[in-house]
Amino acid sequence: MTTVSLRFDDDMKKQLDEMCDEMGMNITTFFMIYAKKALRDRRIPFEITAPLDPFYSDSNMEQLKRAAQQVKDGQIIVKTMEELEAMERA
């Protein structure tokens, strides 16, 4: 047998301890199950994805296309800060 050491944020460790306890196991058993599943399937046993930057979401990209088209079509109104503040007070 060999020993593997892992460093965890204190809160994450506490949460993992609590979850494992609710399942009737300890963290060592948790990682053994994980390792055996990964070795048996020859892959990480869950999907790893990078969250999409909200700027590039479909809805935002569509809004940017509409805004760009409005600029091309000359459908924009330019106001100074003073004009906007005057509109707010009116």
C-alpha atoms as a PDB file:
ATOM      1  CA  MET A   1       0.000   0.000   0.000  1.00  0.00           C
ATOM      2  CA  THR A   2       1.033   3.580  -0.538  1.00  0.00           C
ATOM      3  CA  THR A   3      -0.142   6.863   0.925  1.00  0.00           C
ATOM      4  CA  VAL A   4      -1.403   9.766  -1.174  1.00  0.00           C
ATOM      5  CA  SER A   5      -1.734  13.200   0.393  1.00  0.00           C
ATOM      6  CA  LEU A   6      -4.178  15.802  -0.910  1.00  0.00           C
ATOM      7  CA  ARG A   7      -4.570  19.429   0.112  1.00  0.00           C
ATOM      8  CA  PHE A   8      -8.129  20.724   0.464  1.00  0.00           C
ATOM      9  CA  ASP A   9      -9.721  23.977   1.439  1.00  0.00           C
ATOM     10  CA  ASP A  10     -10.992  23.495   5.018  1.00  0.00           C
ATOM     11  CA  ASP A  11     -14.625  24.079   4.053  1.00  0.00           C
ATOM     12  CA  MET A  12     -14.437  21.691   1.087  1.00  0.00           C
ATOM     13  CA  LYS A  13     -12.909  18.988   3.298  1.00  0.00           C
ATOM     14  CA  LYS A  14     -15.680  19.474   5.867  1.00  0.00           C
ATOM     15  CA  GLN A  15     -18.369  19.244   3.197  1.00  0.00           C
ATOM     16  CA  LEU A  16     -16.801  16.128   1.679  1.00  0.00           C
ATOM     17  CA  ASP A  17     -16.516  14.517   5.124  1.00  0.00           C
ATOM     18  CA  GLU A  18     -20.195  15.230   5.779  1.00  0.00           C
ATOM     19  CA  MET A  19     -21.296  13.908   2.379  1.00  0.00           C
ATOM     20  CA  CYS A  20     -19.247  10.729   2.755  1.00  0.00           C
ATOM     21  CA  ASP A  21     -20.591  10.230   6.280  1.00  0.00           C
ATOM     22  CA  GLU A  22     -24.156  10.502   4.949  1.00  0.00           C
ATOM     23  CA  MET A  23     -23.267   7.746   2.465  1.00  0.00           C
ATOM     24  CA  GLY A  24     -21.763   5.558   5.179  1.00  0.00           C
ATOM     25  CA  MET A  25     -18.142   5.880   4.085  1.00  0.00           C
ATOM     26  CA  ASN A  26     -15.039   7.930   4.731  1.00  0.00           C
ATOM     27  CA  ILE A  27     -12.967  10.003   2.311  1.00  0.00           C
ATOM     28  CA  THR A  28     -10.492   7.160   1.740  1.00  0.00           C
ATOM     29  CA  THR A  29     -13.324   4.881   0.592  1.00  0.00           C
ATOM     30  CA  PHE A  30     -14.699   7.706  -1.570  1.00  0.00           C
ATOM     31  CA  PHE A  31     -11.383   8.088  -3.415  1.00  0.00           C
ATOM     32  CA  MET A  32     -10.903   4.314  -3.711  1.00  0.00           C
ATOM     33  CA  ILE A  33     -14.320   4.003  -5.390  1.00  0.00           C
ATOM     34  CA  TYR A  34     -13.454   6.928  -7.667  1.00  0.00           C
ATOM     35  CA  ALA A  35     -10.045   5.461  -8.608  1.00  0.00           C
ATOM     36  CA  LYS A  36     -11.439   1.984  -9.279  1.00  0.00           C
ATOM     37  CA  LYS A  37     -14.192   3.399 -11.497  1.00  0.00           C
ATOM     38  CA  ALA A  38     -11.690   5.540 -13.435  1.00  0.00           C
ATOM     39  CA  LEU A  39      -9.340   2.577 -13.936  1.00  0.00           C
ATOM     40  CA  ARG A  40     -12.138   0.186 -14.926  1.00  0.00           C
ATOM     41  CA  ASP A  41     -13.621   2.633 -17.483  1.00  0.00           C
ATOM     42  CA  ARG A  42     -10.249   4.098 -18.518  1.00  0.00           C
ATOM     43  CA  ARG A  43     -11.689   7.611 -18.226  1.00  0.00           C
ATOM     44  CA  ILE A  44     -12.578  10.225 -15.645  1.00  0.00           C
ATOM     45  CA  PRO A  45     -15.976   9.072 -14.339  1.00  0.00           C
ATOM     46  CA  PHE A  46     -17.722  12.380 -14.999  1.00  0.00           C
ATOM     47  CA  GLU A  47     -17.735  15.012 -17.716  1.00  0.00           C
ATOM     48  CA  ILE A  48     -15.341  17.923 -17.321  1.00  0.00           C
ATOM     49  CA  THR A  49     -16.347  21.111 -19.069  1.00  0.00           C
ATOM     50  CA  ALA A  50     -15.263  24.712 -18.964  1.00  0.00           C
ATOM     51  CA  PRO A  51     -18.093  27.109 -18.232  1.00  0.00           C
ATOM     52  CA  LEU A  52     -19.007  29.247 -21.192  1.00  0.00           C
ATOM     53  CA  ASP A  53     -18.140  32.908 -20.798  1.00  0.00           C
ATOM     54  CA  PRO A  54     -21.564  34.644 -20.622  1.00  0.00           C
ATOM     55  CA  PHE A  55     -20.294  37.247 -23.072  1.00  0.00           C
ATOM     56  CA  TYR A  56     -20.251  34.542 -25.769  1.00  0.00           C
ATOM     57  CA  SER A  57     -23.678  33.089 -24.954  1.00  0.00           C
ATOM     58  CA  ASP A  58     -26.067  32.704 -27.883  1.00  0.00           C
ATOM     59  CA  SER A  59     -28.441  35.358 -26.558  1.00  0.00           C
ATOM     60  CA  ASN A  60     -25.679  37.929 -26.020  1.00  0.00           C
ATOM     61  CA  MET A  61     -24.122  37.253 -29.410  1.00  0.00           C
ATOM     62  CA  GLU A  62     -27.541  37.788 -31.024  1.00  0.00           C
ATOM     63  CA  GLN A  63     -27.929  41.083 -29.147  1.00  0.00           C
ATOM     64  CA  LEU A  64     -24.477  42.195 -30.299  1.00  0.00           C
ATOM     65  CA  LYS A  65     -25.361  41.355 -33.915  1.00  0.00           C
ATOM     66  CA  ARG A  66     -28.565  43.420 -33.643  1.00  0.00           C
ATOM     67  CA  ALA A  67     -26.661  46.336 -32.118  1.00  0.00           C
ATOM     68  CA  ALA A  68     -23.987  46.184 -34.828  1.00  0.00           C
ATOM     69  CA  GLN A  69     -26.693  46.172 -37.507  1.00  0.00           C
ATOM     70  CA  GLN A  70     -28.332  49.224 -35.903  1.00  0.00           C
ATOM     71  CA  VAL A  71     -25.003  51.045 -36.067  1.00  0.00           C
ATOM     72  CA  LYS A  72     -24.601  50.060 -39.752  1.00  0.00           C
ATOM     73  CA  ASP A  73     -28.147  51.229 -40.475  1.00  0.00           C
ATOM     74  CA  GLY A  74     -27.551  54.558 -38.723  1.00  0.00           C
ATOM     75  CA  GLN A  75     -30.205  53.800 -36.104  1.00  0.00           C
ATOM     76  CA  ILE A  76     -28.212  55.088 -33.164  1.00  0.00           C
ATOM     77  CA  ILE A  77     -28.655  58.223 -31.117  1.00  0.00           C
ATOM     78  CA  VAL A  78     -25.623  59.907 -29.640  1.00  0.00           C
ATOM     79  CA  LYS A  79     -26.080  62.048 -26.527  1.00  0.00           C
ATOM     80  CA  THR A  80     -23.628  63.709 -24.203  1.00  0.00           C
ATOM     81  CA  MET A  81     -23.673  62.982 -20.473  1.00  0.00           C
ATOM     82  CA  GLU A  82     -25.160  66.439 -19.901  1.00  0.00           C
ATOM     83  CA  GLU A  83     -27.996  65.692 -22.311  1.00  0.00           C
ATOM     84  CA  LEU A  84     -28.707  62.378 -20.602  1.00  0.00           C
ATOM     85  CA  GLU A  85     -28.725  64.003 -17.173  1.00  0.00           C
ATOM     86  CA  ALA A  86     -31.091  66.687 -18.460  1.00  0.00           C
ATOM     87  CA  MET A  87     -33.413  63.961 -19.788  1.00  0.00           C
ATOM     88  CA  GLU A  88     -33.353  62.281 -16.373  1.00  0.00           C
ATOM     89  CA  ARG A  89     -34.373  65.502 -14.627  1.00  0.00           C
ATOM     90  CA  ALA A  90     -37.211  66.196 -17.074  1.00  0.00           C
END
